[in-house]
Amino acid sequence: MSLTIWTVGHSTRSLDELLALLAHYRIEVLWWRCHRRLIADVLTSLGVEVVHIRDQTSSEIHRLATPARVVDGVLTYAYSLS
């Protein structure tokens, strides 16, 4: 499987410049409050490690949150009563 991941210039800019760029374009820092949660869920379900950068000193590895889960290799948000 070929996987292309688009980034926002992190390979050509310092972390300070990247964070300033994200702020300039009003990229949501609170990743769980926007579409980035869905993108991160998909990538995580495909086995890609997603790291959310909060600031210069803090980051966290993405984890699927309820109700997101992988069933038989497929990401789903269907709630399970079991």
N, C-alpha and C. Protein backbone atom coordinates (compact mmCIF):
# COMPACT_ATOMS: atom_id res chain seq x y z
N MET A 1 0.84 -1.18 0.00
CA MET A 1 0.00 0.00 0.00
C MET A 1 0.89 1.24 0.00
N SER A 2 0.61 2.15 -0.90
CA SER A 2 1.35 3.41 -0.98
C SER A 2 0.59 4.46 -0.18
N LEU A 3 1.29 5.16 0.69
CA LEU A 3 0.65 6.15 1.54
C LEU A 3 1.35 7.49 1.37
N THR A 4 0.60 8.51 1.01
CA THR A 4 1.14 9.86 0.90
C THR A 4 0.58 10.69 2.04
N ILE A 5 1.44 11.33 2.79
CA ILE A 5 1.00 12.20 3.88
C ILE A 5 1.47 13.61 3.57
N TRP A 6 0.54 14.53 3.50
CA TRP A 6 0.86 15.94 3.24
C TRP A 6 1.09 16.63 4.57
N THR A 7 2.10 17.45 4.63
CA THR A 7 2.42 18.16 5.86
C THR A 7 2.43 19.66 5.61
N VAL A 8 2.65 20.42 6.66
CA VAL A 8 2.64 21.88 6.55
C VAL A 8 4.06 22.40 6.74
N GLY A 9 4.97 22.02 5.88
CA GLY A 9 6.30 22.59 5.86
C GLY A 9 7.19 22.28 7.03
N HIS A 10 6.93 21.21 7.77
CA HIS A 10 7.74 20.94 8.95
C HIS A 10 9.18 20.56 8.60
N SER A 11 9.40 20.05 7.40
CA SER A 11 10.75 19.60 7.05
C SER A 11 11.65 20.75 6.62
N THR A 12 11.09 21.91 6.35
CA THR A 12 11.89 23.04 5.90
C THR A 12 11.86 24.21 6.88
N ARG A 13 11.19 24.03 7.99
CA ARG A 13 11.07 25.12 8.96
C ARG A 13 11.40 24.62 10.36
N SER A 14 11.82 25.53 11.20
CA SER A 14 12.04 25.19 12.61
C SER A 14 10.68 25.00 13.27
N LEU A 15 10.67 24.40 14.45
CA LEU A 15 9.41 24.21 15.16
C LEU A 15 8.74 25.55 15.45
N ASP A 16 9.53 26.57 15.81
CA ASP A 16 8.96 27.90 16.05
C ASP A 16 8.24 28.42 14.80
N GLU A 17 8.90 28.26 13.64
CA GLU A 17 8.29 28.73 12.39
C GLU A 17 7.03 27.93 12.05
N LEU A 18 7.07 26.60 12.28
CA LEU A 18 5.91 25.77 12.01
C LEU A 18 4.73 26.18 12.89
N LEU A 19 4.96 26.37 14.17
CA LEU A 19 3.87 26.78 15.07
C LEU A 19 3.33 28.15 14.69
N ALA A 20 4.21 29.07 14.28
CA ALA A 20 3.76 30.39 13.84
C ALA A 20 2.92 30.28 12.57
N LEU A 21 3.34 29.39 11.65
CA LEU A 21 2.58 29.17 10.42
C LEU A 21 1.19 28.61 10.73
N LEU A 22 1.13 27.64 11.61
CA LEU A 22 -0.16 27.06 12.00
C LEU A 22 -1.05 28.12 12.64
N ALA A 23 -0.48 28.95 13.49
CA ALA A 23 -1.25 30.02 14.13
C ALA A 23 -1.73 31.03 13.09
N HIS A 24 -0.86 31.39 12.14
CA HIS A 24 -1.21 32.36 11.10
C HIS A 24 -2.43 31.89 10.30
N TYR A 25 -2.45 30.62 9.96
CA TYR A 25 -3.57 30.09 9.18
C TYR A 25 -4.71 29.58 10.06
N ARG A 26 -4.61 29.88 11.35
CA ARG A 26 -5.64 29.54 12.33
C ARG A 26 -5.93 28.04 12.37
N ILE A 27 -4.87 27.25 12.27
CA ILE A 27 -5.00 25.81 12.39
C ILE A 27 -5.38 25.52 13.85
N GLU A 28 -6.38 24.73 14.05
CA GLU A 28 -6.89 24.44 15.38
C GLU A 28 -5.85 23.71 16.22
N VAL A 29 -5.43 24.32 17.30
CA VAL A 29 -4.49 23.69 18.21
C VAL A 29 -5.17 22.56 18.97
N LEU A 30 -6.42 22.74 19.26
CA LEU A 30 -7.20 21.72 19.97
C LEU A 30 -7.70 20.70 18.95
N TRP A 31 -6.83 19.77 18.58
CA TRP A 31 -7.09 18.84 17.48
C TRP A 31 -8.38 18.05 17.64
N TRP A 32 -8.83 17.83 18.85
CA TRP A 32 -10.03 17.03 19.07
C TRP A 32 -11.31 17.81 18.77
N ARG A 33 -11.19 19.08 18.46
CA ARG A 33 -12.37 19.90 18.19
C ARG A 33 -12.57 20.19 16.71
N CYS A 34 -11.88 19.47 15.84
CA CYS A 34 -12.03 19.73 14.42
C CYS A 34 -11.81 18.45 13.62
N HIS A 35 -11.80 18.58 12.32
CA HIS A 35 -11.68 17.42 11.43
C HIS A 35 -10.38 16.66 11.60
N ARG A 36 -9.39 17.26 12.24
CA ARG A 36 -8.11 16.56 12.43
C ARG A 36 -8.26 15.29 13.26
N ARG A 37 -9.26 15.24 14.13
CA ARG A 37 -9.50 14.01 14.89
C ARG A 37 -9.84 12.88 13.93
N LEU A 38 -10.69 13.16 12.93
CA LEU A 38 -11.07 12.13 11.96
C LEU A 38 -9.88 11.69 11.12
N ILE A 39 -9.08 12.65 10.68
CA ILE A 39 -7.89 12.32 9.89
C ILE A 39 -6.93 11.48 10.73
N ALA A 40 -6.72 11.89 11.97
CA ALA A 40 -5.82 11.15 12.85
C ALA A 40 -6.35 9.74 13.12
N ASP A 41 -7.67 9.61 13.27
CA ASP A 41 -8.27 8.29 13.48
C ASP A 41 -8.01 7.38 12.28
N VAL A 42 -8.21 7.89 11.08
CA VAL A 42 -8.00 7.09 9.87
C VAL A 42 -6.54 6.64 9.79
N LEU A 43 -5.61 7.58 9.96
CA LEU A 43 -4.19 7.24 9.88
C LEU A 43 -3.81 6.22 10.96
N THR A 44 -4.32 6.41 12.17
CA THR A 44 -4.04 5.48 13.26
C THR A 44 -4.57 4.10 12.94
N SER A 45 -5.78 4.04 12.37
CA SER A 45 -6.38 2.74 12.04
C SER A 45 -5.59 2.03 10.95
N LEU A 46 -4.82 2.79 10.16
CA LEU A 46 -3.98 2.21 9.10
C LEU A 46 -2.59 1.85 9.61
N GLY A 47 -2.35 2.10 10.90
CA GLY A 47 -1.06 1.75 11.49
C GLY A 47 -0.03 2.85 11.46
N VAL A 48 -0.44 4.07 11.09
CA VAL A 48 0.48 5.21 11.08
C VAL A 48 0.48 5.85 12.46
N GLU A 49 1.66 6.09 13.02
CA GLU A 49 1.73 6.76 14.31
C GLU A 49 1.52 8.26 14.11
N VAL A 50 0.50 8.81 14.73
CA VAL A 50 0.17 10.23 14.62
C VAL A 50 0.55 10.90 15.94
N VAL A 51 1.32 11.98 15.84
CA VAL A 51 1.73 12.71 17.04
C VAL A 51 1.15 14.11 16.97
N HIS A 52 0.40 14.49 17.99
CA HIS A 52 -0.18 15.84 18.07
C HIS A 52 0.82 16.72 18.81
N ILE A 53 1.25 17.81 18.16
CA ILE A 53 2.18 18.75 18.77
C ILE A 53 1.35 19.86 19.42
N ARG A 54 1.43 19.96 20.72
CA ARG A 54 0.69 21.01 21.43
C ARG A 54 1.47 22.33 21.44
N ASP A 55 2.74 22.23 21.74
CA ASP A 55 3.61 23.40 21.75
C ASP A 55 5.05 22.91 21.67
N GLN A 56 6.00 23.76 21.97
CA GLN A 56 7.42 23.39 21.82
C GLN A 56 7.85 22.29 22.78
N THR A 57 7.14 22.09 23.85
CA THR A 57 7.58 21.12 24.85
C THR A 57 6.61 19.98 25.08
N SER A 58 5.47 19.98 24.40
CA SER A 58 4.44 19.00 24.71
C SER A 58 3.85 18.39 23.44
N SER A 59 3.76 17.08 23.43
CA SER A 59 3.13 16.37 22.32
C SER A 59 2.50 15.09 22.88
N GLU A 60 1.63 14.49 22.08
CA GLU A 60 1.01 13.23 22.51
C GLU A 60 0.71 12.37 21.30
N ILE A 61 0.82 11.06 21.48
CA ILE A 61 0.50 10.12 20.42
C ILE A 61 -1.02 9.96 20.37
N HIS A 62 -1.55 9.99 19.16
CA HIS A 62 -3.00 9.88 18.98
C HIS A 62 -3.49 8.50 19.37
N ARG A 63 -4.60 8.46 20.07
CA ARG A 63 -5.29 7.23 20.42
C ARG A 63 -6.76 7.37 20.01
N LEU A 64 -7.33 6.28 19.52
CA LEU A 64 -8.75 6.32 19.18
C LEU A 64 -9.56 6.53 20.46
N ALA A 65 -10.55 7.41 20.39
CA ALA A 65 -11.42 7.67 21.54
C ALA A 65 -12.81 7.16 21.22
N THR A 66 -13.53 6.70 22.22
CA THR A 66 -14.89 6.20 22.05
C THR A 66 -15.74 7.24 21.33
N PRO A 67 -16.51 6.86 20.33
CA PRO A 67 -16.85 5.50 19.92
C PRO A 67 -15.97 4.95 18.80
N ALA A 68 -14.92 5.65 18.39
CA ALA A 68 -14.06 5.16 17.30
C ALA A 68 -13.39 3.86 17.71
N ARG A 69 -13.40 2.90 16.80
CA ARG A 69 -12.71 1.63 17.03
C ARG A 69 -12.51 0.94 15.70
N VAL A 70 -11.61 -0.02 15.68
CA VAL A 70 -11.35 -0.79 14.46
C VAL A 70 -11.98 -2.16 14.64
N VAL A 71 -12.87 -2.52 13.71
CA VAL A 71 -13.55 -3.82 13.74
C VAL A 71 -13.24 -4.54 12.44
N ASP A 72 -12.62 -5.69 12.55
CA ASP A 72 -12.22 -6.48 11.37
C ASP A 72 -11.42 -5.63 10.39
N GLY A 73 -10.53 -4.79 10.92
CA GLY A 73 -9.66 -3.98 10.08
C GLY A 73 -10.29 -2.72 9.51
N VAL A 74 -11.52 -2.41 9.95
CA VAL A 74 -12.23 -1.24 9.42
C VAL A 74 -12.54 -0.26 10.56
N LEU A 75 -12.20 1.00 10.35
CA LEU A 75 -12.51 2.04 11.33
C LEU A 75 -14.01 2.28 11.34
N THR A 76 -14.59 2.29 12.54
CA THR A 76 -16.02 2.55 12.65
C THR A 76 -16.29 3.47 13.85
N TYR A 77 -17.38 4.20 13.74
CA TYR A 77 -17.84 5.03 14.85
C TYR A 77 -19.18 4.52 15.37
N ALA A 78 -19.60 3.37 14.88
CA ALA A 78 -20.86 2.78 15.33
C ALA A 78 -20.71 2.40 16.80
N TYR A 79 -21.63 2.83 17.59
CA TYR A 79 -21.57 2.57 19.02
C TYR A 79 -21.98 1.13 19.29
N SER A 80 -21.24 0.49 20.18
CA SER A 80 -21.54 -0.89 20.53
C SER A 80 -22.06 -0.93 21.97
N LEU A 81 -23.17 -1.63 22.18
CA LEU A 81 -23.72 -1.75 23.51
C LEU A 81 -23.06 -2.87 24.31
N SER A 82 -22.23 -3.66 23.66
CA SER A 82 -21.59 -4.78 24.36
C SER A 82 -20.34 -4.33 25.10
